[in-house]
Amino acid sequence: MMKLIITCAFVLFLSACATATPTSAPELIIPAASGIDTAVAEYGTFVNVERRTGVTRYTSIPLYFADPVAPFYEFLVTPGQSIVEGQLLAILNTENLDEQIERHQASIASLQVNHAISEELRQLDIDIAILENAAESHIARLRMELRQLQARHRMEIEHETQRLQRIERRRQNAELRAPFDGQVTNIANLHQGQHIGMLQPIMHITDRSEVIIEAVSLPQSDWTTAGAPGAAQVGGFPLLGGIQVDAWVPAIMRRDYYVHAHVNNQVFEIEYIPVALDERDFRPVRFSLPPDRNISAGEFVTLHFYIAHIEDILLIPENAVFTVGSRAYVYVIENGERIYTEVTIAARSDAFAAITGGLEQGDIVFVRP
């Protein structure tokens, strides 16, 4: 009895091993027969296009005091107000700085007067020594002392002037001016006498002379090769007088790609070349549209990212490819029979698969309906 049980177990083990062969293919529910969908493997150009939508908007930027050395004083504009380049928008309390400027200006003027008097007295000593036929060594010493005095006076004036210039720059930084023509969208909630932090936004303004595209992120799989790490995103990036899209792409995208942007019944082709130092390094890639087109904010945009382009490669429909784990295979139809065939895929899109191994031109493959 025990011998019979061991024999049966051994037979079941062999049967299980036979069904676990790595080259076995799942059974097709639809048998290979006339009437099933098929396609012929043919050479052609593989193109993978990723479509994304976005909306144009005006560029909005924050403004802040570069060096907030004094407390806040007042806003000179209100939200919604139109502004022109160079217009004064907000100021800090500059009373203390103004007093320092006046004090240093007076100090410089006083030094200049006192220095002129002392140098004239030294020159008078030299003239008297010459008239009295003093020794040449004595006259030379007086002249050397005059030169030293003049050099010391120049250093004092230069030092005081530099201090004045530093204070004047701080006084200039206490003024917030418009960098371009635009409109104030919002201002910060500040009160008089409040101290401001470095790079603290004071207000936001829009540039009505330019618009940018904001689009949703692109999936990682569309921007990287199979199994390669990386990520990509598309966001707004301003360009003076035009439209611009900023995308972050991995280093492996070193070939030339291109983008079509459809805006207001206009189509723009944008060429770009991604650049990076290594596969972990990312660089922004800018997509700019011509500034001479009639494009305004709030318009619908369709972006067509051509992320793969392979010339002269064997193509079959995407629905013809089956996968199990890391293996990809198709069913080649020969004499009404289906033949399991593993293939090597270079790239895939929603419509086609680019094949580099396992098939030949003219092979007929089964296509899932």
Protein backbone atom coordinates (compact mmCIF):
# COMPACT_ATOMS: atom_id res chain seq x y z
CA MET A 1 0.00 0.00 0.00
CA MET A 2 2.80 2.44 0.90
CA LYS A 3 4.59 1.63 -2.36
CA LEU A 4 1.45 2.51 -4.32
CA ILE A 5 1.11 5.90 -2.58
CA ILE A 6 4.76 6.80 -3.29
CA THR A 7 4.37 5.80 -6.94
CA CYS A 8 1.25 7.97 -7.35
CA ALA A 9 2.96 10.97 -5.71
CA PHE A 10 5.95 10.65 -8.04
CA VAL A 11 3.66 10.57 -11.09
CA LEU A 12 1.79 13.68 -9.90
CA PHE A 13 5.12 15.47 -9.36
CA LEU A 14 6.24 14.69 -12.90
CA SER A 15 2.91 15.87 -14.25
CA ALA A 16 3.20 19.19 -12.38
CA CYS A 17 6.73 19.73 -13.70
CA ALA A 18 5.57 19.13 -17.24
CA THR A 19 2.83 21.76 -17.01
CA ALA A 20 5.25 24.36 -15.51
CA THR A 21 7.55 24.58 -18.53
CA PRO A 22 8.54 28.28 -19.10
CA THR A 23 7.80 28.13 -22.83
CA SER A 24 4.17 27.05 -22.48
CA ALA A 25 1.56 29.52 -23.74
CA PRO A 26 -1.90 30.18 -22.31
CA GLU A 27 -4.70 28.70 -24.35
CA LEU A 28 -6.55 31.10 -26.61
CA ILE A 29 -10.24 31.33 -25.92
CA ILE A 30 -10.79 32.09 -29.61
CA PRO A 31 -9.46 29.22 -31.71
CA ALA A 32 -7.29 29.85 -34.75
CA ALA A 33 -9.75 29.64 -37.59
CA SER A 34 -11.11 31.61 -40.48
CA GLY A 35 -12.79 34.82 -39.42
CA ILE A 36 -10.44 35.74 -36.53
CA ASP A 37 -8.63 39.10 -36.56
CA THR A 38 -5.10 39.00 -37.91
CA ALA A 39 -2.45 41.46 -39.03
CA VAL A 40 0.71 41.31 -41.11
CA ALA A 41 4.07 42.38 -39.66
CA GLU A 42 5.38 45.18 -41.87
CA TYR A 43 8.27 47.63 -41.72
CA GLY A 44 7.38 51.24 -41.08
CA THR A 45 7.92 54.26 -38.82
CA PHE A 46 7.00 53.94 -35.15
CA VAL A 47 5.70 57.13 -33.52
CA ASN A 48 4.44 57.43 -29.96
CA VAL A 49 2.44 60.58 -29.25
CA GLU A 50 1.42 61.65 -25.75
CA ARG A 51 -1.45 64.14 -25.70
CA ARG A 52 -2.01 66.54 -22.83
CA THR A 53 -4.33 69.50 -22.40
CA GLY A 54 -3.82 72.82 -20.70
CA VAL A 55 -5.04 76.38 -20.45
CA THR A 56 -3.15 79.57 -21.20
CA ARG A 57 -2.90 82.15 -18.42
CA TYR A 58 -1.11 85.39 -17.77
CA THR A 59 2.21 85.23 -16.00
CA SER A 60 1.95 86.07 -12.30
CA ILE A 61 5.01 86.78 -10.20
CA PRO A 62 5.57 87.76 -6.55
CA LEU A 63 7.37 90.99 -5.67
CA TYR A 64 9.43 91.50 -2.53
CA PHE A 65 11.96 93.90 -1.04
CA ALA A 66 15.44 92.67 -1.89
CA ASP A 67 16.89 94.05 1.36
CA PRO A 68 14.17 94.94 3.91
CA VAL A 69 16.40 97.08 6.16
CA ALA A 70 13.55 99.15 7.59
CA PRO A 71 9.99 98.58 8.83
CA PHE A 72 7.10 98.63 6.38
CA TYR A 73 5.50 102.02 5.74
CA GLU A 74 2.73 101.91 3.11
CA PHE A 75 1.33 100.54 -0.16
CA LEU A 76 0.95 103.00 -3.01
CA VAL A 77 -1.32 100.75 -5.16
CA THR A 78 -4.42 98.62 -4.64
CA PRO A 79 -5.48 95.18 -5.95
CA GLY A 80 -6.77 95.32 -9.53
CA GLN A 81 -4.88 98.52 -10.31
CA SER A 82 -2.98 98.74 -13.60
CA ILE A 83 0.68 99.63 -13.23
CA VAL A 84 3.49 100.73 -15.55
CA GLU A 85 7.16 99.77 -15.54
CA GLY A 86 9.14 101.68 -12.91
CA GLN A 87 6.07 102.78 -10.94
CA LEU A 88 6.54 102.99 -7.16
CA LEU A 89 4.35 100.31 -5.54
CA ALA A 90 5.32 100.23 -1.86
CA ILE A 91 7.89 101.78 0.46
CA LEU A 92 9.56 101.09 3.79
CA ASN A 93 10.01 103.60 6.58
CA THR A 94 13.16 105.44 5.51
CA GLU A 95 13.30 108.24 8.09
CA ASN A 96 16.37 106.78 9.79
CA LEU A 97 18.09 106.14 6.46
CA ASP A 98 17.33 109.66 5.25
CA GLU A 99 18.88 111.08 8.41
CA GLN A 100 22.00 108.94 7.93
CA ILE A 101 22.31 110.09 4.31
CA GLU A 102 22.08 113.75 5.29
CA ARG A 103 24.63 113.24 8.09
CA HIS A 104 27.17 111.55 5.82
CA GLN A 105 26.67 114.13 3.07
CA ALA A 106 27.39 116.88 5.60
CA SER A 107 30.40 114.99 6.92
CA ILE A 108 31.88 114.66 3.42
CA ALA A 109 31.34 118.36 2.71
CA SER A 110 33.01 119.30 6.02
CA LEU A 111 35.98 117.02 5.36
CA GLN A 112 36.46 118.52 1.91
CA VAL A 113 36.57 122.07 3.36
CA ASN A 114 38.92 121.16 6.23
CA HIS A 115 41.21 119.19 3.95
CA ALA A 116 41.44 122.04 1.47
CA ILE A 117 42.41 124.48 4.27
CA SER A 118 45.09 122.20 5.76
CA GLU A 119 46.58 121.44 2.35
CA GLU A 120 46.72 125.17 1.52
CA LEU A 121 48.58 125.81 4.82
CA ARG A 122 51.10 123.09 4.01
CA GLN A 123 51.61 124.56 0.54
CA LEU A 124 52.12 127.97 2.17
CA ASP A 125 54.88 126.50 4.36
CA ILE A 126 56.61 125.23 1.22
CA ASP A 127 56.35 128.62 -0.50
CA ILE A 128 57.80 130.41 2.58
CA ALA A 129 60.69 127.93 2.78
CA ILE A 130 61.54 128.59 -0.86
CA LEU A 131 61.46 132.37 -0.34
CA GLU A 132 63.75 132.06 2.69
CA ASN A 133 66.23 129.95 0.67
CA ALA A 134 65.79 127.03 3.06
CA ALA A 135 67.79 123.88 2.53
CA GLU A 136 66.67 121.65 -0.31
CA SER A 137 66.31 118.73 2.09
CA HIS A 138 63.91 120.77 4.22
CA ILE A 139 61.82 121.78 1.18
CA ALA A 140 61.75 118.15 -0.05
CA ARG A 141 60.54 117.00 3.39
CA LEU A 142 57.73 119.58 3.35
CA ARG A 143 56.62 118.47 -0.11
CA MET A 144 56.64 114.81 0.96
CA GLU A 145 54.50 115.68 4.00
CA LEU A 146 52.04 117.50 1.71
CA ARG A 147 51.74 114.44 -0.56
CA GLN A 148 51.18 112.19 2.44
CA LEU A 149 48.55 114.58 3.77
CA GLN A 150 46.74 114.66 0.42
CA ALA A 151 46.79 110.85 0.22
CA ARG A 152 45.34 110.57 3.73
CA HIS A 153 42.62 113.07 2.89
CA ARG A 154 41.67 111.13 -0.27
CA MET A 155 41.37 107.92 1.76
CA GLU A 156 39.15 109.64 4.33
CA ILE A 157 36.88 111.06 1.64
CA GLU A 158 36.71 107.71 -0.19
CA HIS A 159 35.86 105.83 3.02
CA GLU A 160 33.09 108.26 3.90
CA THR A 161 31.77 108.20 0.32
CA GLN A 162 31.57 104.39 0.37
CA ARG A 163 29.58 104.49 3.60
CA LEU A 164 27.22 107.01 2.00
CA GLN A 165 26.79 104.83 -1.11
CA ARG A 166 25.93 101.79 1.01
CA ILE A 167 23.24 103.72 2.84
CA GLU A 168 21.90 105.12 -0.44
CA ARG A 169 21.63 101.59 -1.86
CA ARG A 170 19.73 100.52 1.25
CA ARG A 171 17.49 103.56 0.77
CA GLN A 172 16.91 102.54 -2.86
CA ASN A 173 16.06 98.98 -1.80
CA ALA A 174 13.39 100.41 0.49
CA GLU A 175 11.35 101.18 -2.62
CA LEU A 176 9.39 98.49 -4.49
CA ARG A 177 8.92 99.33 -8.16
CA ALA A 178 7.08 97.59 -11.01
CA PRO A 179 9.42 95.52 -13.23
CA PHE A 180 7.02 95.75 -16.20
CA ASP A 181 3.59 96.97 -17.27
CA GLY A 182 0.87 94.85 -15.69
CA GLN A 183 -1.79 94.65 -13.02
CA VAL A 184 -1.75 94.13 -9.24
CA THR A 185 -3.62 90.94 -8.33
CA ASN A 186 -3.22 90.91 -4.53
CA ILE A 187 -1.19 92.51 -1.76
CA ALA A 188 0.06 91.16 1.57
CA ASN A 189 -1.64 91.99 4.87
CA LEU A 190 0.97 94.37 6.33
CA HIS A 191 0.65 97.23 8.79
CA GLN A 192 2.79 100.31 9.24
CA GLY A 193 5.89 99.63 11.31
CA GLN A 194 5.84 95.86 10.71
CA HIS A 195 9.23 94.26 10.11
CA ILE A 196 9.50 92.25 6.88
CA GLY A 197 11.43 89.03 6.37
CA MET A 198 13.90 88.42 3.56
CA LEU A 199 12.13 87.41 0.30
CA GLN A 200 8.72 87.80 1.95
CA PRO A 201 6.12 88.32 -0.85
CA ILE A 202 4.68 91.82 -0.70
CA MET A 203 2.30 91.58 -3.65
CA HIS A 204 1.63 89.62 -6.87
CA ILE A 205 1.38 91.21 -10.29
CA THR A 206 0.48 89.84 -13.72
CA ASP A 207 2.25 90.59 -16.96
CA ARG A 208 -0.47 91.24 -19.54
CA SER A 209 2.05 91.17 -22.39
CA GLU A 210 2.67 87.41 -22.08
CA VAL A 211 0.85 84.17 -21.35
CA ILE A 212 2.06 80.70 -20.39
CA ILE A 213 0.68 77.18 -20.73
CA GLU A 214 -0.17 75.12 -17.66
CA ALA A 215 -0.47 71.40 -18.44
CA VAL A 216 -0.89 68.28 -16.32
CA SER A 217 2.07 66.04 -15.50
CA LEU A 218 3.31 63.45 -17.94
CA PRO A 219 3.51 59.87 -16.64
CA GLN A 220 6.98 58.50 -15.98
CA SER A 221 6.54 55.57 -18.37
CA ASP A 222 6.06 57.90 -21.32
CA TRP A 223 9.29 59.76 -20.71
CA THR A 224 11.66 56.91 -19.86
CA THR A 225 12.80 53.72 -21.52
CA ALA A 226 11.71 50.36 -20.13
CA GLY A 227 13.01 49.86 -16.60
CA ALA A 228 14.89 53.18 -16.49
CA PRO A 229 14.40 55.47 -13.48
CA GLY A 230 13.19 59.00 -13.91
CA ALA A 231 10.22 61.32 -13.80
CA ALA A 232 8.77 64.17 -15.79
CA GLN A 233 6.40 67.02 -15.24
CA VAL A 234 5.08 69.86 -17.35
CA GLY A 235 4.38 73.26 -15.87
CA GLY A 236 4.24 76.92 -16.73
CA PHE A 237 7.45 78.81 -17.48
CA PRO A 238 7.25 82.45 -18.57
CA LEU A 239 8.85 83.80 -21.71
CA LEU A 240 8.74 87.51 -22.43
CA GLY A 241 6.38 88.20 -25.28
CA GLY A 242 5.41 84.57 -25.92
CA ILE A 243 4.18 81.27 -24.54
CA GLN A 244 6.44 78.77 -22.91
CA VAL A 245 6.15 75.32 -21.35
CA ASP A 246 8.74 73.95 -18.95
CA ALA A 247 9.24 70.17 -18.71
CA TRP A 248 11.65 68.16 -16.59
CA VAL A 249 12.97 65.11 -18.44
CA PRO A 250 15.55 62.43 -17.55
CA ALA A 251 18.99 62.20 -19.06
CA ILE A 252 18.15 59.20 -21.25
CA MET A 253 16.10 61.44 -23.55
CA ARG A 254 19.15 62.64 -25.48
CA ARG A 255 17.63 62.30 -28.96
CA ASP A 256 15.77 65.07 -30.76
CA TYR A 257 12.05 65.13 -29.97
CA TYR A 258 9.41 67.66 -30.86
CA VAL A 259 6.09 68.97 -29.59
CA HIS A 260 3.01 70.27 -31.36
CA ALA A 261 0.89 72.82 -29.50
CA HIS A 262 -2.63 73.51 -30.74
CA VAL A 263 -3.82 76.93 -29.55
CA ASN A 264 -6.73 78.96 -30.89
CA ASN A 265 -6.85 77.05 -34.21
CA GLN A 266 -3.10 77.51 -34.61
CA VAL A 267 -0.50 74.75 -34.60
CA PHE A 268 3.04 75.39 -33.40
CA GLU A 269 5.90 72.93 -33.79
CA ILE A 270 8.46 73.25 -31.00
CA GLU A 271 11.85 71.59 -31.28
CA TYR A 272 13.94 70.82 -28.21
CA ILE A 273 16.92 68.76 -27.10
CA PRO A 274 16.94 67.49 -23.48
CA VAL A 275 20.33 67.85 -21.78
CA ALA A 276 21.52 66.30 -18.50
CA LEU A 277 24.77 65.28 -16.85
CA ASP A 278 23.76 61.73 -15.91
CA GLU A 279 20.65 59.62 -15.44
CA ARG A 280 20.03 61.10 -11.98
CA ASP A 281 20.38 64.67 -13.13
CA PHE A 282 17.50 66.71 -14.54
CA ARG A 283 17.42 69.91 -16.53
CA PRO A 284 14.44 72.04 -17.56
CA VAL A 285 13.49 71.93 -21.23
CA ARG A 286 11.66 74.97 -22.46
CA PHE A 287 8.95 74.96 -25.12
CA SER A 288 8.32 78.44 -26.50
CA LEU A 289 5.76 79.61 -29.02
CA PRO A 290 6.23 82.56 -31.39
CA PRO A 291 5.37 85.86 -29.67
CA ASP A 292 3.73 87.34 -32.77
CA ARG A 293 0.58 85.21 -32.59
CA ASN A 294 -2.79 86.40 -31.30
CA ILE A 295 -2.97 84.33 -28.11
CA SER A 296 -4.56 85.49 -24.86
CA ALA A 297 -5.19 84.02 -21.44
CA GLY A 298 -7.91 81.43 -20.86
CA GLU A 299 -7.55 79.60 -24.18
CA PHE A 300 -7.64 75.82 -24.43
CA VAL A 301 -4.36 74.17 -25.45
CA THR A 302 -3.63 70.65 -26.69
CA LEU A 303 0.00 69.54 -26.40
CA HIS A 304 1.19 66.63 -28.56
CA PHE A 305 4.45 65.22 -27.18
CA TYR A 306 6.20 63.03 -29.76
CA ILE A 307 8.17 60.95 -27.26
CA ALA A 308 9.33 58.13 -29.56
CA HIS A 309 10.23 58.08 -33.23
CA ILE A 310 11.88 55.01 -34.81
CA GLU A 311 12.43 54.71 -38.54
CA ASP A 312 12.32 51.44 -40.53
CA ILE A 313 11.25 49.00 -37.82
CA LEU A 314 8.91 46.00 -37.87
CA LEU A 315 5.43 46.95 -36.65
CA ILE A 316 2.46 44.92 -35.43
CA PRO A 317 -0.75 46.03 -33.69
CA GLU A 318 -0.45 46.50 -29.93
CA ASN A 319 -3.37 44.09 -29.44
CA ALA A 320 -1.30 41.30 -30.97
CA VAL A 321 1.16 41.29 -28.05
CA PHE A 322 0.65 39.11 -24.96
CA THR A 323 2.79 39.27 -21.84
CA VAL A 324 3.53 36.95 -18.94
CA GLY A 325 5.89 38.50 -16.44
CA SER A 326 8.85 39.85 -18.38
CA ARG A 327 8.11 37.72 -21.47
CA ALA A 328 6.32 39.13 -24.51
CA TYR A 329 4.92 36.83 -27.18
CA VAL A 330 2.53 36.64 -30.12
CA TYR A 331 0.64 33.92 -31.95
CA VAL A 332 1.82 33.51 -35.52
CA ILE A 333 -0.83 32.01 -37.79
CA GLU A 334 0.48 29.31 -40.16
CA ASN A 335 -1.80 26.94 -42.07
CA GLY A 336 -4.69 27.79 -39.74
CA GLU A 337 -2.62 26.93 -36.68
CA ARG A 338 -1.48 29.29 -33.98
CA ILE A 339 2.23 29.14 -33.12
CA TYR A 340 3.49 30.59 -29.85
CA THR A 341 6.38 32.96 -30.64
CA GLU A 342 8.35 35.09 -28.18
CA VAL A 343 9.27 38.55 -29.45
CA THR A 344 11.58 41.41 -28.47
CA ILE A 345 9.85 44.78 -28.24
CA ALA A 346 11.72 48.06 -28.73
CA ALA A 347 8.79 50.38 -27.98
CA ARG A 348 5.02 50.33 -27.57
CA SER A 349 2.25 52.83 -28.05
CA ASP A 350 -1.54 52.67 -27.80
CA ALA A 351 -1.70 51.42 -31.40
CA PHE A 352 1.52 49.60 -32.34
CA ALA A 353 4.45 47.62 -31.00
CA ALA A 354 7.90 47.96 -32.55
CA ILE A 355 9.53 44.51 -32.88
CA THR A 356 13.27 43.86 -33.08
CA GLY A 357 13.29 40.08 -32.68
CA GLY A 358 11.11 36.99 -33.11
CA LEU A 359 9.19 38.00 -36.24
CA GLU A 360 9.93 38.60 -39.88
CA GLN A 361 8.27 40.84 -42.42
CA GLY A 362 5.10 39.24 -43.76
CA ASP A 363 4.39 37.11 -40.67
CA ILE A 364 0.69 36.95 -39.87
CA VAL A 365 -0.15 37.40 -36.19
CA PHE A 366 -3.34 36.93 -34.20
CA VAL A 367 -4.90 40.19 -32.94
CA ARG A 368 -7.21 40.35 -29.96
CA PRO A 369 -10.59 41.81 -30.94
